């Protein structure tokens, strides 16, 4: 049962998309997104285009890390961080 819950929750917490040909240089930029009330009220969100800089080819992943999920649980969903990762 526990493994089913882990697997079922993991898929809906990650968004991936590729721009251009995908990562070419091997550079990774990471920023946090901050939300309140189960993600309904954004406080600060990362801008993947700005994170990519002048790169034309990159990959974006927006996910809940283990620490993000732990913080969400500890605050009972009042604070809900996510992580944006841009690979150039």
Protein backbone atom coordinates (compact mmCIF):
# COMPACT_ATOMS: atom_id res chain seq x y z
CA UNK A 1 0.00 0.00 0.00
CA UNK A 2 2.77 2.45 0.93
CA UNK A 3 4.67 1.85 -2.31
CA UNK A 4 1.45 2.39 -4.30
CA UNK A 5 0.97 5.78 -2.62
CA UNK A 6 4.55 6.77 -3.36
CA UNK A 7 4.29 5.83 -7.02
CA UNK A 8 0.87 7.37 -7.53
CA UNK A 9 1.88 10.72 -6.01
CA UNK A 10 5.20 11.03 -7.82
CA UNK A 11 3.79 11.23 -11.35
CA UNK A 12 1.57 14.25 -10.81
CA UNK A 13 4.30 16.33 -9.17
CA UNK A 14 6.69 16.63 -12.13
CA UNK A 15 6.43 18.65 -15.34
CA UNK A 16 9.10 18.32 -18.05
CA UNK A 17 9.43 20.09 -21.35
CA UNK A 18 12.18 20.65 -23.88
CA UNK A 19 12.92 23.83 -25.82
CA UNK A 20 14.86 23.53 -29.07
CA UNK A 21 17.18 20.52 -29.16
CA UNK A 22 17.31 20.10 -25.39
CA UNK A 23 20.35 20.52 -23.13
CA UNK A 24 23.62 20.97 -25.03
CA UNK A 25 26.17 22.46 -22.56
CA UNK A 26 25.63 20.45 -19.37
CA UNK A 27 24.85 23.51 -17.22
CA UNK A 28 22.09 23.24 -14.59
CA UNK A 29 20.31 26.16 -12.91
CA UNK A 30 17.98 25.53 -9.94
CA UNK A 31 15.46 27.92 -8.33
CA UNK A 32 12.63 27.50 -5.84
CA UNK A 33 8.98 28.44 -6.38
CA UNK A 34 7.01 29.55 -3.32
CA UNK A 35 3.24 29.07 -2.96
CA UNK A 36 0.72 29.37 -0.14
CA UNK A 37 -2.51 27.45 0.52
CA UNK A 38 -1.73 24.20 -1.33
CA UNK A 39 -0.25 26.04 -4.31
CA UNK A 40 -3.19 28.37 -4.96
CA UNK A 41 -1.45 31.64 -4.03
CA UNK A 42 1.95 32.17 -5.68
CA UNK A 43 4.46 34.25 -3.71
CA UNK A 44 7.51 33.93 -5.98
CA UNK A 45 7.91 31.75 -9.05
CA UNK A 46 10.97 31.05 -11.16
CA UNK A 47 11.04 32.16 -14.80
CA UNK A 48 12.58 29.34 -16.88
CA UNK A 49 13.25 31.66 -19.84
CA UNK A 50 15.33 33.99 -17.64
CA UNK A 51 17.01 31.00 -16.00
CA UNK A 52 18.06 29.74 -19.46
CA UNK A 53 19.61 33.11 -20.28
CA UNK A 54 20.73 33.30 -23.89
CA UNK A 55 20.51 29.51 -24.44
CA UNK A 56 18.24 28.49 -27.30
CA UNK A 57 18.25 24.79 -26.40
CA UNK A 58 17.32 23.66 -22.87
CA UNK A 59 15.10 21.41 -20.78
CA UNK A 60 12.84 22.53 -17.92
CA UNK A 61 11.71 20.35 -15.02
CA UNK A 62 9.32 21.61 -12.36
CA UNK A 63 9.01 19.16 -9.50
CA UNK A 64 8.38 18.58 -5.81
CA UNK A 65 11.60 17.33 -4.23
CA UNK A 66 11.53 15.22 -1.09
CA UNK A 67 12.35 18.33 0.97
CA UNK A 68 9.58 20.31 -0.77
CA UNK A 69 7.08 17.57 0.11
CA UNK A 70 8.33 17.36 3.68
CA UNK A 71 7.92 21.12 4.16
CA UNK A 72 4.44 20.91 2.65
CA UNK A 73 3.46 18.16 5.10
CA UNK A 74 4.99 19.94 8.11
CA UNK A 75 3.05 23.13 7.32
CA UNK A 76 -0.18 21.19 6.59
CA UNK A 77 -0.25 22.53 3.04
CA UNK A 78 -0.09 26.20 4.02
CA UNK A 79 3.35 26.60 2.41
CA UNK A 80 3.95 24.57 -0.75
CA UNK A 81 7.38 24.96 -2.41
CA UNK A 82 8.40 23.44 -5.74
CA UNK A 83 11.74 23.34 -7.55
CA UNK A 84 12.44 24.50 -11.11
CA UNK A 85 15.47 22.98 -12.82
CA UNK A 86 16.76 24.28 -16.17
CA UNK A 87 19.39 22.19 -17.94
CA UNK A 88 21.17 24.06 -20.73
